[in-house]
Amino acid sequence: MADLTITASQVLPVGTSFPSELLLAGAAITAGDALYKDASSLWQLADANVSAVEANASAIALNDAAVSQPVRGQTGGTITLGAGAAPAAGEVYCVSATAGNIAPDADITTGLFKTILGVGIGSNNVILGFLKSGVASA
């Protein structure tokens, strides 16, 4: 399999009430990127290939932002990732080995730090449920 191909303009929260957090971007961010909060409380691109800290995603970006611009990260609820992503119903999605990307669980191979982002529920949607294992896959 491969990372989801997310269309930034189609990334939207589902419903009118969804948990989110507004922080400054510590990197260039695109809507749909998996994010973690660094020690300075900046949103950074989550990456399963670097460390447990950088794999510790806790949000999905709802807007694009350049460094030091505000970015809203959705921290729970259901999110639409767009027709290009087409998340499969029942598929578990994780932080990818490519910074900011979202990968199917099957792509998290030996040595990658596993953080589950949520489960596909069809109609291009993922129900978010962040599970930060802090350990590398064996």
C-alpha atoms as a PDB file:
ATOM      1  CA  MET A   1       0.000   0.000   0.000  1.00  0.00           C
ATOM      2  CA  ALA A   2       1.010   3.645   0.044  1.00  0.00           C
ATOM      3  CA  ASP A   3       0.469   6.842   2.002  1.00  0.00           C
ATOM      4  CA  LEU A   4      -2.916   8.483   1.539  1.00  0.00           C
ATOM      5  CA  THR A   5      -3.021  11.080  -1.235  1.00  0.00           C
ATOM      6  CA  ILE A   6      -4.810  13.901   0.528  1.00  0.00           C
ATOM      7  CA  THR A   7      -6.342  16.847  -1.328  1.00  0.00           C
ATOM      8  CA  ALA A   8      -5.746  19.770   1.039  1.00  0.00           C
ATOM      9  CA  SER A   9      -8.757  21.746  -0.189  1.00  0.00           C
ATOM     10  CA  GLN A  10     -11.057  18.809   0.719  1.00  0.00           C
ATOM     11  CA  VAL A  11      -9.836  18.378   4.318  1.00  0.00           C
ATOM     12  CA  LEU A  12     -12.770  19.252   6.570  1.00  0.00           C
ATOM     13  CA  PRO A  13     -14.057  18.373  10.008  1.00  0.00           C
ATOM     14  CA  VAL A  14     -17.305  16.402   9.963  1.00  0.00           C
ATOM     15  CA  GLY A  15     -20.058  18.203  11.865  1.00  0.00           C
ATOM     16  CA  THR A  16     -20.043  21.552  13.595  1.00  0.00           C
ATOM     17  CA  SER A  17     -18.545  20.465  16.902  1.00  0.00           C
ATOM     18  CA  PHE A  18     -15.077  18.925  16.834  1.00  0.00           C
ATOM     19  CA  PRO A  19     -12.116  19.104  19.222  1.00  0.00           C
ATOM     20  CA  SER A  20      -9.209  21.149  17.917  1.00  0.00           C
ATOM     21  CA  GLU A  21      -6.274  23.247  19.018  1.00  0.00           C
ATOM     22  CA  LEU A  22      -4.874  26.423  17.469  1.00  0.00           C
ATOM     23  CA  LEU A  23      -1.068  26.727  17.632  1.00  0.00           C
ATOM     24  CA  LEU A  24       1.709  28.230  15.554  1.00  0.00           C
ATOM     25  CA  ALA A  25       3.346  26.159  12.837  1.00  0.00           C
ATOM     26  CA  GLY A  26       6.949  25.137  13.478  1.00  0.00           C
ATOM     27  CA  ALA A  27       7.250  23.937   9.854  1.00  0.00           C
ATOM     28  CA  ALA A  28       5.440  24.492   6.566  1.00  0.00           C
ATOM     29  CA  ILE A  29       2.149  22.620   7.020  1.00  0.00           C
ATOM     30  CA  THR A  30      -0.508  21.518   4.537  1.00  0.00           C
ATOM     31  CA  ALA A  31      -4.098  20.684   5.453  1.00  0.00           C
ATOM     32  CA  GLY A  32      -4.280  16.945   6.115  1.00  0.00           C
ATOM     33  CA  ASP A  33      -0.790  16.660   7.614  1.00  0.00           C
ATOM     34  CA  ALA A  34      -0.336  14.618  10.797  1.00  0.00           C
ATOM     35  CA  LEU A  35       1.012  16.903  13.531  1.00  0.00           C
ATOM     36  CA  TYR A  36       2.704  16.662  16.907  1.00  0.00           C
ATOM     37  CA  LYS A  37       3.220  19.416  19.461  1.00  0.00           C
ATOM     38  CA  ASP A  38       6.904  20.070  20.216  1.00  0.00           C
ATOM     39  CA  ALA A  39       8.416  21.257  23.514  1.00  0.00           C
ATOM     40  CA  SER A  40       7.847  24.897  22.459  1.00  0.00           C
ATOM     41  CA  SER A  41       4.128  24.232  21.787  1.00  0.00           C
ATOM     42  CA  LEU A  42       4.528  24.533  18.011  1.00  0.00           C
ATOM     43  CA  TRP A  43       2.847  22.153  15.563  1.00  0.00           C
ATOM     44  CA  GLN A  44       5.447  20.080  13.709  1.00  0.00           C
ATOM     45  CA  LEU A  45       5.102  17.353  11.055  1.00  0.00           C
ATOM     46  CA  ALA A  46       4.812  13.928  12.687  1.00  0.00           C
ATOM     47  CA  ASP A  47       7.304  11.352  11.397  1.00  0.00           C
ATOM     48  CA  ALA A  48       7.427   7.644  12.322  1.00  0.00           C
ATOM     49  CA  ASN A  49      10.973   7.361  10.982  1.00  0.00           C
ATOM     50  CA  VAL A  50      12.752   9.703  13.426  1.00  0.00           C
ATOM     51  CA  SER A  51      11.857   9.185  17.099  1.00  0.00           C
ATOM     52  CA  ALA A  52       9.005   8.349  19.460  1.00  0.00           C
ATOM     53  CA  VAL A  53       8.632  12.080  20.176  1.00  0.00           C
ATOM     54  CA  GLU A  54       8.247  13.017  16.506  1.00  0.00           C
ATOM     55  CA  ALA A  55       5.858  10.112  15.906  1.00  0.00           C
ATOM     56  CA  ASN A  56       3.604  11.305  18.756  1.00  0.00           C
ATOM     57  CA  ALA A  57       0.908  12.853  16.554  1.00  0.00           C
ATOM     58  CA  SER A  58      -2.067  14.381  18.300  1.00  0.00           C
ATOM     59  CA  ALA A  59      -3.799  16.298  15.489  1.00  0.00           C
ATOM     60  CA  ILE A  60      -4.504  16.545  11.766  1.00  0.00           C
ATOM     61  CA  ALA A  61      -4.011  19.996  10.188  1.00  0.00           C
ATOM     62  CA  LEU A  62      -7.197  21.707   9.002  1.00  0.00           C
ATOM     63  CA  ASN A  63      -5.418  24.499   7.123  1.00  0.00           C
ATOM     64  CA  ASP A  64      -2.153  25.297   5.377  1.00  0.00           C
ATOM     65  CA  ALA A  65       0.375  27.409   7.279  1.00  0.00           C
ATOM     66  CA  ALA A  66       3.893  28.700   6.786  1.00  0.00           C
ATOM     67  CA  VAL A  67       6.349  28.679   9.689  1.00  0.00           C
ATOM     68  CA  SER A  68       5.088  30.911  12.549  1.00  0.00           C
ATOM     69  CA  GLN A  69       1.564  31.162  11.119  1.00  0.00           C
ATOM     70  CA  PRO A  70      -1.466  29.820  13.010  1.00  0.00           C
ATOM     71  CA  VAL A  71      -2.664  26.330  12.183  1.00  0.00           C
ATOM     72  CA  ARG A  72      -5.702  24.533  13.613  1.00  0.00           C
ATOM     73  CA  GLY A  73      -5.187  20.871  14.393  1.00  0.00           C
ATOM     74  CA  GLN A  74      -8.225  18.609  14.739  1.00  0.00           C
ATOM     75  CA  THR A  75      -7.631  16.434  17.791  1.00  0.00           C
ATOM     76  CA  GLY A  76     -10.674  14.160  17.725  1.00  0.00           C
ATOM     77  CA  GLY A  77     -14.002  13.476  16.061  1.00  0.00           C
ATOM     78  CA  THR A  78     -14.362  12.641  12.384  1.00  0.00           C
ATOM     79  CA  ILE A  79     -12.422  14.250   9.541  1.00  0.00           C
ATOM     80  CA  THR A  80     -12.848  14.153   5.757  1.00  0.00           C
ATOM     81  CA  LEU A  81      -9.525  13.671   3.973  1.00  0.00           C
ATOM     82  CA  GLY A  82     -10.950  13.992   0.470  1.00  0.00           C
ATOM     83  CA  ALA A  83     -11.703  11.814  -2.519  1.00  0.00           C
ATOM     84  CA  GLY A  84      -8.035  11.400  -3.422  1.00  0.00           C
ATOM     85  CA  ALA A  85      -7.313   9.833  -0.047  1.00  0.00           C
ATOM     86  CA  ALA A  86     -10.346   7.501  -0.094  1.00  0.00           C
ATOM     87  CA  PRO A  87      -9.635   5.979   3.331  1.00  0.00           C
ATOM     88  CA  ALA A  88     -10.961   2.416   3.375  1.00  0.00           C
ATOM     89  CA  ALA A  89     -13.654   1.489   5.892  1.00  0.00           C
ATOM     90  CA  GLY A  90     -12.108  -0.504   8.731  1.00  0.00           C
ATOM     91  CA  GLU A  91      -8.510   0.363   7.782  1.00  0.00           C
ATOM     92  CA  VAL A  92      -6.299   1.588  10.634  1.00  0.00           C
ATOM     93  CA  TYR A  93      -4.198   4.641   9.760  1.00  0.00           C
ATOM     94  CA  CYS A  94      -0.884   5.657  11.336  1.00  0.00           C
ATOM     95  CA  VAL A  95       1.831   8.287  11.188  1.00  0.00           C
ATOM     96  CA  SER A  96       3.898   7.602   8.062  1.00  0.00           C
ATOM     97  CA  ALA A  97       7.674   7.347   7.653  1.00  0.00           C
ATOM     98  CA  THR A  98       7.308  10.453   5.458  1.00  0.00           C
ATOM     99  CA  ALA A  99       6.945  13.606   7.568  1.00  0.00           C
ATOM    100  CA  GLY A 100       3.324  14.713   7.874  1.00  0.00           C
ATOM    101  CA  ASN A 101       1.891  11.846   5.840  1.00  0.00           C
ATOM    102  CA  ILE A 102      -0.714   9.260   6.831  1.00  0.00           C
ATOM    103  CA  ALA A 103      -0.097   5.568   6.090  1.00  0.00           C
ATOM    104  CA  PRO A 104      -2.111   2.362   6.406  1.00  0.00           C
ATOM    105  CA  ASP A 105      -1.058   0.291   9.427  1.00  0.00           C
ATOM    106  CA  ALA A 106       0.421  -2.403   7.146  1.00  0.00           C
ATOM    107  CA  ASP A 107       3.057   0.108   5.979  1.00  0.00           C
ATOM    108  CA  ILE A 108       4.498   0.591   9.469  1.00  0.00           C
ATOM    109  CA  THR A 109       7.458  -1.759   9.182  1.00  0.00           C
ATOM    110  CA  THR A 110      10.354  -2.747  11.438  1.00  0.00           C
ATOM    111  CA  GLY A 111      12.020   0.187  13.177  1.00  0.00           C
ATOM    112  CA  LEU A 112       9.218   2.701  12.607  1.00  0.00           C
ATOM    113  CA  PHE A 113       7.565   4.275  15.660  1.00  0.00           C
ATOM    114  CA  LYS A 114       3.868   3.419  15.688  1.00  0.00           C
ATOM    115  CA  THR A 115       1.231   6.040  16.377  1.00  0.00           C
ATOM    116  CA  ILE A 116      -2.322   5.213  15.364  1.00  0.00           C
ATOM    117  CA  LEU A 117      -4.279   8.198  14.056  1.00  0.00           C
ATOM    118  CA  GLY A 118      -7.677   6.619  13.525  1.00  0.00           C
ATOM    119  CA  VAL A 119      -9.855   4.240  11.529  1.00  0.00           C
ATOM    120  CA  GLY A 120     -11.409   4.727   8.101  1.00  0.00           C
ATOM    121  CA  ILE A 121     -15.210   4.701   8.204  1.00  0.00           C
ATOM    122  CA  GLY A 122     -16.001   5.152   4.495  1.00  0.00           C
ATOM    123  CA  SER A 123     -17.143   8.225   2.537  1.00  0.00           C
ATOM    124  CA  ASN A 124     -13.531   9.544   2.594  1.00  0.00           C
ATOM    125  CA  ASN A 125     -13.738   9.904   6.388  1.00  0.00           C
ATOM    126  CA  VAL A 126     -11.547   8.843   9.292  1.00  0.00           C
ATOM    127  CA  ILE A 127     -12.667   8.780  12.903  1.00  0.00           C
ATOM    128  CA  LEU A 128      -9.710  10.103  14.850  1.00  0.00           C
ATOM    129  CA  GLY A 129      -8.373   8.271  17.886  1.00  0.00           C
ATOM    130  CA  PHE A 130      -4.730   8.984  18.618  1.00  0.00           C
ATOM    131  CA  LEU A 131      -2.832   6.087  20.219  1.00  0.00           C
ATOM    132  CA  LYS A 132       0.836   6.886  20.859  1.00  0.00           C
ATOM    133  CA  SER A 133       2.731   3.668  21.520  1.00  0.00           C
ATOM    134  CA  GLY A 134       6.161   5.261  21.918  1.00  0.00           C
ATOM    135  CA  VAL A 135       7.807   2.096  20.613  1.00  0.00           C
ATOM    136  CA  ALA A 136       9.300   1.055  17.306  1.00  0.00           C
ATOM    137  CA  SER A 137       7.698  -1.824  15.393  1.00  0.00           C
ATOM    138  CA  ALA A 138       9.553  -5.118  15.636  1.00  0.00           C
END
